[in-house]
Amino acid sequence: MCLGGVLLLNGLRLTEGWYRSKTESTYFSNYYLVGKAMVEAGAKVRENTAENALLVTVYGGLDCRAPHFLYRARRHGWSIPEQYLAKELMSQLQEIGATHLAWVHRGDQPPPTVDFLDQYEFSEHPLGNGNCTLLLYNLPVIEALGQP
């Protein structure tokens, strides 16, 4: 019973802000923060894509285990880190239904050159105070091999 009480009080201390150390305060105060650029990018995607659109999202280093951008856009799809953005991967995702690529990058750095994206139509949407930009590409449908 004593151990349970200690665990309960420590849990309340951390979650409710009772007697936190400076490190604990910093960690817990930022834990649930949502980036303004991600919220705004999600709204721009909702405004500029159909409700049934399937997105490939690129937002810094977010990968498939972090669907934050897809959640904010209220769309289904795939999240991939910038370093894995390649023609072969995009072709595979288009074969299984990807309709758009939504890429958020910092405004002070041009996005890395990805030659194969030059062939697609895109729109550019500044986010927030201009420190991020959303590039929204329209992806053509590719029929999967072996499909009628």
N, C-alpha and C. Protein backbone atom coordinates (compact mmCIF):
# COMPACT_ATOMS: atom_id res chain seq x y z
N MET A 1 0.82 -1.20 0.00
CA MET A 1 0.00 0.00 0.00
C MET A 1 0.86 1.25 0.00
N CYS A 2 1.97 1.21 0.73
CA CYS A 2 2.84 2.38 0.83
C CYS A 2 3.47 2.72 -0.52
N LEU A 3 3.93 1.69 -1.24
CA LEU A 3 4.54 1.91 -2.56
C LEU A 3 3.51 2.49 -3.54
N GLY A 4 2.30 1.97 -3.48
CA GLY A 4 1.24 2.48 -4.34
C GLY A 4 0.95 3.95 -4.08
N GLY A 5 0.94 4.32 -2.82
CA GLY A 5 0.71 5.72 -2.44
C GLY A 5 1.82 6.63 -2.94
N VAL A 6 3.07 6.17 -2.83
CA VAL A 6 4.21 6.95 -3.30
C VAL A 6 4.13 7.14 -4.81
N LEU A 7 3.82 6.07 -5.54
CA LEU A 7 3.69 6.17 -7.00
C LEU A 7 2.56 7.11 -7.39
N LEU A 8 1.45 7.03 -6.71
CA LEU A 8 0.31 7.90 -7.00
C LEU A 8 0.68 9.37 -6.76
N LEU A 9 1.30 9.65 -5.62
CA LEU A 9 1.67 11.03 -5.31
C LEU A 9 2.72 11.56 -6.29
N ASN A 10 3.68 10.73 -6.67
CA ASN A 10 4.70 11.16 -7.63
C ASN A 10 4.06 11.41 -9.00
N GLY A 11 3.13 10.56 -9.40
CA GLY A 11 2.42 10.77 -10.66
C GLY A 11 1.64 12.07 -10.65
N LEU A 12 0.95 12.35 -9.57
CA LEU A 12 0.22 13.61 -9.45
C LEU A 12 1.17 14.80 -9.44
N ARG A 13 2.29 14.65 -8.77
CA ARG A 13 3.28 15.73 -8.72
C ARG A 13 3.75 16.11 -10.12
N LEU A 14 4.04 15.09 -10.94
CA LEU A 14 4.54 15.37 -12.29
C LEU A 14 3.45 15.88 -13.23
N THR A 15 2.28 15.26 -13.18
CA THR A 15 1.23 15.65 -14.13
C THR A 15 0.52 16.93 -13.76
N GLU A 16 0.42 17.20 -12.47
CA GLU A 16 -0.31 18.39 -12.03
C GLU A 16 0.60 19.58 -11.73
N GLY A 17 1.90 19.38 -11.87
CA GLY A 17 2.83 20.50 -11.68
C GLY A 17 3.21 20.77 -10.25
N TRP A 18 2.99 19.82 -9.33
CA TRP A 18 3.35 20.04 -7.93
C TRP A 18 4.84 19.80 -7.76
N TYR A 19 5.58 20.77 -7.34
CA TYR A 19 6.98 20.64 -6.95
C TYR A 19 7.85 19.99 -8.03
N ARG A 20 7.74 20.46 -9.23
CA ARG A 20 8.60 19.93 -10.31
C ARG A 20 9.96 20.61 -10.28
N SER A 21 10.99 19.86 -10.69
CA SER A 21 12.31 20.45 -10.88
C SER A 21 12.27 21.28 -12.16
N LYS A 22 13.29 22.09 -12.39
CA LYS A 22 13.35 22.92 -13.59
C LYS A 22 13.34 22.05 -14.85
N THR A 23 14.08 20.97 -14.84
CA THR A 23 14.13 20.05 -15.99
C THR A 23 12.76 19.42 -16.24
N GLU A 24 12.11 18.96 -15.17
CA GLU A 24 10.77 18.38 -15.31
C GLU A 24 9.78 19.40 -15.83
N SER A 25 9.87 20.62 -15.35
CA SER A 25 8.96 21.68 -15.81
C SER A 25 9.13 21.95 -17.29
N THR A 26 10.37 22.01 -17.75
CA THR A 26 10.62 22.25 -19.18
C THR A 26 10.07 21.11 -20.02
N TYR A 27 10.35 19.88 -19.62
CA TYR A 27 9.91 18.72 -20.39
C TYR A 27 8.39 18.63 -20.45
N PHE A 28 7.74 18.69 -19.29
CA PHE A 28 6.29 18.51 -19.25
C PHE A 28 5.53 19.70 -19.83
N SER A 29 6.09 20.89 -19.77
CA SER A 29 5.38 22.04 -20.32
C SER A 29 5.41 22.04 -21.85
N ASN A 30 6.39 21.40 -22.46
CA ASN A 30 6.49 21.35 -23.92
C ASN A 30 5.96 20.06 -24.52
N TYR A 31 5.62 19.09 -23.69
CA TYR A 31 5.27 17.76 -24.17
C TYR A 31 4.07 17.77 -25.12
N TYR A 32 3.07 18.55 -24.81
CA TYR A 32 1.86 18.54 -25.61
C TYR A 32 1.75 19.74 -26.55
N LEU A 33 2.80 20.50 -26.70
CA LEU A 33 2.75 21.64 -27.62
C LEU A 33 2.63 21.16 -29.06
N VAL A 34 1.84 21.86 -29.83
CA VAL A 34 1.67 21.54 -31.24
C VAL A 34 2.22 22.71 -32.04
N GLY A 35 3.09 22.41 -32.98
CA GLY A 35 3.68 23.47 -33.79
C GLY A 35 2.64 24.21 -34.62
N LYS A 36 2.71 25.53 -34.59
CA LYS A 36 1.77 26.36 -35.34
C LYS A 36 1.86 26.07 -36.84
N ALA A 37 3.08 25.86 -37.34
CA ALA A 37 3.26 25.58 -38.77
C ALA A 37 2.56 24.29 -39.18
N MET A 38 2.61 23.26 -38.31
CA MET A 38 1.96 21.99 -38.65
C MET A 38 0.44 22.15 -38.68
N VAL A 39 -0.11 22.89 -37.74
CA VAL A 39 -1.56 23.12 -37.71
C VAL A 39 -1.98 23.89 -38.96
N GLU A 40 -1.24 24.93 -39.30
CA GLU A 40 -1.56 25.74 -40.47
C GLU A 40 -1.38 24.95 -41.76
N ALA A 41 -0.33 24.12 -41.83
CA ALA A 41 -0.12 23.28 -43.02
C ALA A 41 -1.26 22.30 -43.19
N GLY A 42 -1.73 21.71 -42.09
CA GLY A 42 -2.87 20.80 -42.16
C GLY A 42 -4.11 21.49 -42.68
N ALA A 43 -4.35 22.73 -42.24
CA ALA A 43 -5.51 23.49 -42.73
C ALA A 43 -5.38 23.78 -44.22
N LYS A 44 -4.18 24.14 -44.68
CA LYS A 44 -3.96 24.42 -46.11
C LYS A 44 -4.19 23.17 -46.94
N VAL A 45 -3.75 22.01 -46.44
CA VAL A 45 -3.97 20.76 -47.16
C VAL A 45 -5.46 20.47 -47.25
N ARG A 46 -6.19 20.66 -46.15
CA ARG A 46 -7.65 20.43 -46.18
C ARG A 46 -8.33 21.35 -47.19
N GLU A 47 -7.88 22.61 -47.28
CA GLU A 47 -8.49 23.56 -48.21
C GLU A 47 -8.21 23.21 -49.67
N ASN A 48 -7.08 22.57 -49.94
CA ASN A 48 -6.62 22.40 -51.32
C ASN A 48 -6.64 20.96 -51.83
N THR A 49 -7.20 20.03 -51.04
CA THR A 49 -7.29 18.65 -51.51
C THR A 49 -8.70 18.12 -51.23
N ALA A 50 -9.06 17.10 -51.99
CA ALA A 50 -10.35 16.44 -51.77
C ALA A 50 -10.32 15.67 -50.46
N GLU A 51 -11.48 15.44 -49.88
CA GLU A 51 -11.56 14.75 -48.60
C GLU A 51 -11.01 13.33 -48.68
N ASN A 52 -11.10 12.70 -49.85
CA ASN A 52 -10.62 11.32 -50.00
C ASN A 52 -9.19 11.26 -50.55
N ALA A 53 -8.48 12.37 -50.57
CA ALA A 53 -7.10 12.39 -51.07
C ALA A 53 -6.20 11.54 -50.17
N LEU A 54 -5.26 10.86 -50.79
CA LEU A 54 -4.25 10.10 -50.05
C LEU A 54 -2.93 10.85 -50.18
N LEU A 55 -2.37 11.25 -49.05
CA LEU A 55 -1.19 12.11 -49.04
C LEU A 55 0.09 11.36 -48.74
N VAL A 56 1.16 11.85 -49.33
CA VAL A 56 2.51 11.53 -48.88
C VAL A 56 2.97 12.82 -48.22
N THR A 57 3.30 12.77 -46.93
CA THR A 57 3.71 13.98 -46.23
C THR A 57 5.18 13.92 -45.88
N VAL A 58 5.83 15.06 -46.03
CA VAL A 58 7.23 15.21 -45.65
C VAL A 58 7.28 16.45 -44.75
N TYR A 59 7.69 16.23 -43.51
CA TYR A 59 7.78 17.34 -42.56
C TYR A 59 9.02 17.10 -41.72
N GLY A 60 10.13 17.62 -42.19
CA GLY A 60 11.39 17.44 -41.46
C GLY A 60 11.73 15.97 -41.35
N GLY A 61 11.97 15.53 -40.12
CA GLY A 61 12.37 14.15 -39.90
C GLY A 61 11.24 13.23 -39.49
N LEU A 62 9.98 13.70 -39.55
CA LEU A 62 8.87 12.83 -39.17
C LEU A 62 8.83 11.62 -40.08
N ASP A 63 8.63 10.46 -39.50
CA ASP A 63 8.55 9.24 -40.31
C ASP A 63 7.19 8.58 -40.14
N CYS A 64 7.10 7.35 -40.61
CA CYS A 64 5.80 6.67 -40.64
C CYS A 64 5.23 6.41 -39.25
N ARG A 65 6.05 6.49 -38.22
CA ARG A 65 5.55 6.28 -36.86
C ARG A 65 5.03 7.57 -36.24
N ALA A 66 5.07 8.67 -36.99
CA ALA A 66 4.64 9.96 -36.46
C ALA A 66 3.66 10.63 -37.43
N PRO A 67 2.41 10.22 -37.38
CA PRO A 67 1.42 10.74 -38.34
C PRO A 67 0.83 12.10 -37.94
N HIS A 68 1.61 12.96 -37.28
CA HIS A 68 1.11 14.24 -36.79
C HIS A 68 0.54 15.10 -37.91
N PHE A 69 1.26 15.20 -39.01
CA PHE A 69 0.84 16.05 -40.13
C PHE A 69 -0.43 15.50 -40.76
N LEU A 70 -0.49 14.18 -40.96
CA LEU A 70 -1.70 13.57 -41.52
C LEU A 70 -2.91 13.83 -40.62
N TYR A 71 -2.70 13.75 -39.32
CA TYR A 71 -3.79 14.01 -38.38
C TYR A 71 -4.28 15.45 -38.52
N ARG A 72 -3.36 16.39 -38.58
CA ARG A 72 -3.74 17.81 -38.71
C ARG A 72 -4.43 18.08 -40.04
N ALA A 73 -4.05 17.35 -41.09
CA ALA A 73 -4.67 17.52 -42.40
C ALA A 73 -6.00 16.78 -42.50
N ARG A 74 -6.26 15.89 -41.57
CA ARG A 74 -7.46 15.03 -41.58
C ARG A 74 -7.54 14.24 -42.90
N ARG A 75 -6.41 13.70 -43.26
CA ARG A 75 -6.30 12.88 -44.46
C ARG A 75 -5.54 11.60 -44.11
N HIS A 76 -5.70 10.60 -44.97
CA HIS A 76 -4.95 9.35 -44.82
C HIS A 76 -3.74 9.40 -45.74
N GLY A 77 -2.76 8.56 -45.45
CA GLY A 77 -1.59 8.51 -46.31
C GLY A 77 -0.36 8.02 -45.58
N TRP A 78 0.79 8.54 -46.00
CA TRP A 78 2.08 8.08 -45.52
C TRP A 78 2.95 9.27 -45.15
N SER A 79 3.68 9.16 -44.05
CA SER A 79 4.66 10.17 -43.65
C SER A 79 6.05 9.58 -43.91
N ILE A 80 6.90 10.36 -44.57
CA ILE A 80 8.26 9.89 -44.82
C ILE A 80 9.24 11.03 -44.51
N PRO A 81 10.44 10.70 -44.02
CA PRO A 81 11.44 11.73 -43.80
C PRO A 81 12.01 12.24 -45.13
N GLU A 82 12.50 13.47 -45.14
CA GLU A 82 13.04 14.07 -46.37
C GLU A 82 14.09 13.20 -47.03
N GLN A 83 14.97 12.60 -46.24
CA GLN A 83 16.08 11.85 -46.83
C GLN A 83 15.63 10.61 -47.60
N TYR A 84 14.40 10.14 -47.40
CA TYR A 84 13.90 8.97 -48.12
C TYR A 84 13.03 9.33 -49.31
N LEU A 85 12.89 10.60 -49.61
CA LEU A 85 12.08 11.02 -50.75
C LEU A 85 12.82 10.67 -52.04
N ALA A 86 12.35 9.65 -52.72
CA ALA A 86 13.01 9.16 -53.93
C ALA A 86 11.96 8.78 -54.96
N LYS A 87 12.36 8.80 -56.21
CA LYS A 87 11.43 8.50 -57.32
C LYS A 87 10.82 7.11 -57.18
N GLU A 88 11.62 6.12 -56.82
CA GLU A 88 11.12 4.75 -56.71
C GLU A 88 10.04 4.64 -55.63
N LEU A 89 10.30 5.25 -54.48
CA LEU A 89 9.32 5.20 -53.39
C LEU A 89 8.04 5.93 -53.79
N MET A 90 8.18 7.10 -54.41
CA MET A 90 6.99 7.85 -54.82
C MET A 90 6.18 7.06 -55.85
N SER A 91 6.86 6.39 -56.78
CA SER A 91 6.15 5.57 -57.78
C SER A 91 5.36 4.46 -57.11
N GLN A 92 5.96 3.81 -56.12
CA GLN A 92 5.27 2.74 -55.41
C GLN A 92 4.04 3.29 -54.67
N LEU A 93 4.20 4.44 -54.04
CA LEU A 93 3.06 5.02 -53.32
C LEU A 93 1.97 5.49 -54.28
N GLN A 94 2.36 5.99 -55.44
CA GLN A 94 1.35 6.38 -56.44
C GLN A 94 0.61 5.15 -56.94
N GLU A 95 1.29 4.04 -57.11
CA GLU A 95 0.64 2.81 -57.57
C GLU A 95 -0.43 2.34 -56.59
N ILE A 96 -0.24 2.63 -55.30
CA ILE A 96 -1.24 2.19 -54.33
C ILE A 96 -2.19 3.32 -53.93
N GLY A 97 -2.15 4.43 -54.70
CA GLY A 97 -3.20 5.43 -54.54
C GLY A 97 -2.82 6.83 -54.10
N ALA A 98 -1.55 7.13 -53.86
CA ALA A 98 -1.17 8.47 -53.42
C ALA A 98 -1.59 9.50 -54.47
N THR A 99 -2.24 10.58 -54.02
CA THR A 99 -2.72 11.61 -54.94
C THR A 99 -1.99 12.94 -54.80
N HIS A 100 -1.37 13.17 -53.63
CA HIS A 100 -0.68 14.43 -53.38
C HIS A 100 0.57 14.21 -52.54
N LEU A 101 1.54 15.07 -52.74
CA LEU A 101 2.71 15.15 -51.87
C LEU A 101 2.65 16.50 -51.17
N ALA A 102 2.63 16.49 -49.85
CA ALA A 102 2.60 17.72 -49.06
C ALA A 102 3.93 17.80 -48.32
N TRP A 103 4.75 18.79 -48.69
CA TRP A 103 6.11 18.91 -48.17
C TRP A 103 6.26 20.25 -47.46
N VAL A 104 6.51 20.21 -46.16
CA VAL A 104 6.75 21.43 -45.40
C VAL A 104 8.25 21.56 -45.17
N HIS A 105 8.78 22.72 -45.52
CA HIS A 105 10.20 22.96 -45.27
C HIS A 105 10.39 24.34 -44.66
N ARG A 106 11.51 24.51 -43.97
CA ARG A 106 11.82 25.79 -43.35
C ARG A 106 12.07 26.83 -44.44
N GLY A 107 11.51 28.02 -44.24
CA GLY A 107 11.62 29.08 -45.23
C GLY A 107 13.02 29.61 -45.43
N ASP A 108 13.89 29.48 -44.41
CA ASP A 108 15.23 30.02 -44.54
C ASP A 108 16.17 29.06 -45.28
N GLN A 109 15.68 27.88 -45.62
CA GLN A 109 16.49 26.91 -46.36
C GLN A 109 15.69 26.42 -47.56
N PRO A 110 16.26 26.51 -48.77
CA PRO A 110 15.51 25.96 -49.90
C PRO A 110 15.39 24.45 -49.75
N PRO A 111 14.29 23.87 -50.23
CA PRO A 111 14.16 22.42 -50.12
C PRO A 111 15.26 21.75 -50.94
N PRO A 112 15.70 20.58 -50.53
CA PRO A 112 16.70 19.87 -51.33
C PRO A 112 16.18 19.63 -52.73
N THR A 113 17.06 19.66 -53.69
CA THR A 113 16.66 19.44 -55.08
C THR A 113 16.26 17.99 -55.27
N VAL A 114 15.05 17.79 -55.73
CA VAL A 114 14.55 16.45 -56.03
C VAL A 114 14.05 16.54 -57.47
N ASP A 115 14.90 16.13 -58.40
CA ASP A 115 14.66 16.34 -59.83
C ASP A 115 13.33 15.77 -60.32
N PHE A 116 12.95 14.60 -59.86
CA PHE A 116 11.75 13.97 -60.40
C PHE A 116 10.48 14.75 -60.06
N LEU A 117 10.51 15.61 -59.04
CA LEU A 117 9.32 16.39 -58.69
C LEU A 117 9.05 17.52 -59.66
N ASP A 118 10.03 17.88 -60.48
CA ASP A 118 9.85 18.96 -61.46
C ASP A 118 8.72 18.68 -62.45
N GLN A 119 8.40 17.43 -62.66
CA GLN A 119 7.38 17.07 -63.65
C GLN A 119 5.95 17.24 -63.12
N TYR A 120 5.78 17.46 -61.82
CA TYR A 120 4.46 17.55 -61.23
C TYR A 120 4.03 19.00 -61.02
N GLU A 121 2.72 19.24 -61.16
CA GLU A 121 2.14 20.55 -60.82
C GLU A 121 2.21 20.72 -59.31
N PHE A 122 2.48 21.93 -58.86
CA PHE A 122 2.48 22.16 -57.42
C PHE A 122 2.05 23.59 -57.11
N SER A 123 1.64 23.78 -55.87
CA SER A 123 1.32 25.12 -55.38
C SER A 123 2.16 25.35 -54.12
N GLU A 124 2.50 26.61 -53.90
CA GLU A 124 3.34 26.98 -52.76
C GLU A 124 2.52 27.83 -51.80
N HIS A 125 2.57 27.49 -50.52
CA HIS A 125 1.77 28.17 -49.50
C HIS A 125 2.67 28.57 -48.33
N PRO A 126 2.92 29.89 -48.15
CA PRO A 126 3.69 30.32 -46.98
C PRO A 126 2.91 30.04 -45.70
N LEU A 127 3.63 29.68 -44.65
CA LEU A 127 3.00 29.36 -43.37
C LEU A 127 3.48 30.30 -42.28
N GLY A 128 2.59 30.67 -41.39
CA GLY A 128 2.95 31.47 -40.23
C GLY A 128 3.58 32.79 -40.60
N ASN A 129 4.68 33.08 -39.95
CA ASN A 129 5.36 34.35 -40.20
C ASN A 129 6.40 34.23 -41.31
N GLY A 130 6.24 33.27 -42.18
CA GLY A 130 7.13 33.12 -43.32
C GLY A 130 8.33 32.24 -43.08
N ASN A 131 8.41 31.60 -41.91
CA ASN A 131 9.58 30.75 -41.66
C ASN A 131 9.41 29.33 -42.18
N CYS A 132 8.23 28.97 -42.66
CA CYS A 132 8.00 27.65 -43.26
C CYS A 132 7.14 27.81 -44.50
N THR A 133 7.27 26.85 -45.41
CA THR A 133 6.50 26.85 -46.65
C THR A 133 5.96 25.46 -46.90
N LEU A 134 4.72 25.38 -47.35
CA LEU A 134 4.11 24.12 -47.76
C LEU A 134 4.16 24.05 -49.27
N LEU A 135 4.76 22.99 -49.80
CA LEU A 135 4.72 22.70 -51.23
C LEU A 135 3.74 21.55 -51.41
N LEU A 136 2.68 21.78 -52.19
CA LEU A 136 1.64 20.77 -52.36
C LEU A 136 1.64 20.33 -53.83
N TYR A 137 2.11 19.11 -54.06
CA TYR A 137 2.23 18.55 -55.41
C TYR A 137 1.02 17.69 -55.73
N ASN A 138 0.52 17.80 -56.96
CA ASN A 138 -0.53 16.91 -57.46
C ASN A 138 0.14 15.74 -58.14
N LEU A 139 -0.13 14.54 -57.68
CA LEU A 139 0.51 13.35 -58.24
C LEU A 139 -0.44 12.65 -59.21
N PRO A 140 0.04 12.33 -60.40
CA PRO A 140 -0.82 11.60 -61.35
C PRO A 140 -1.01 10.16 -60.89
N VAL A 141 -2.12 9.59 -61.28
CA VAL A 141 -2.41 8.19 -60.94
C VAL A 141 -1.53 7.30 -61.80
N ILE A 142 -0.90 6.32 -61.19
CA ILE A 142 -0.10 5.33 -61.90
C ILE A 142 -0.77 3.99 -61.70
N GLU A 143 -1.06 3.31 -62.77
CA GLU A 143 -1.66 1.98 -62.67
C GLU A 143 -0.61 0.99 -62.24
N ALA A 144 -0.93 0.17 -61.26
CA ALA A 144 0.01 -0.86 -60.78
C ALA A 144 0.18 -1.91 -61.85
N LEU A 145 1.41 -2.44 -61.95
CA LEU A 145 1.67 -3.51 -62.92
C LEU A 145 0.83 -4.72 -62.58
N GLY A 146 0.28 -5.34 -63.60
CA GLY A 146 -0.53 -6.52 -63.40
C GLY A 146 -1.98 -6.23 -63.07
N GLN A 147 -2.35 -4.96 -62.95
CA GLN A 147 -3.74 -4.60 -62.68
C GLN A 147 -4.46 -4.40 -64.00
N PRO A 148 -5.71 -4.82 -64.11
CA PRO A 148 -6.45 -4.66 -65.36
C PRO A 148 -6.84 -3.20 -65.60
